[in-house]
Amino acid sequence: EDAASGGARRWPLAPIQPKGGGEARAAAVGRLPLVAGRALPPLVDAKVLPPLVNGKLMAPKPMWPRRFAAAFSSPPRGKNTTGAYSLLYPEAERIALADGSRDHLCSALHPGTACTQLTTGGFRYLDF
């Protein structure tokens, strides 16, 4: 722990050398960290590295599902509500808020009520 970091643990930058010899040391080459003397697998697998373009490493392109839905909870410092997000790409997006008081669109019309925002065809509809 370090007082300058607010008591947060700082991880070493140098490779951790396992106790013992031979196999444990060979297993640790290029792999961090060690847990109970055993090397964890590397963070990056060489088979899934992004391609090189003109000698530069390109970021992988994210693959999002075309359809999904998820419940969410927004913290008090945010919209301070719960709700659901749904996507049917590229046709529609739905955001349902249990309380639209802290959303700039919902609160402009009906503060303190549940609000659903539906986006489709280039328009955003509000439902209370």
Foldseek 3Di string as FASTA:
>chain_A
DDVVVVPDDDDDPDADAAPDDDPLRVQRVPFDDDDPSHGDDHPDDPVPFADADPNHGDDDDDDDDQWDKDKDADDPVAQRFIWMWIHNPPFKIKTKTQFRQRPPVVVVPDHGHIWMWMDGPNDIDIDD
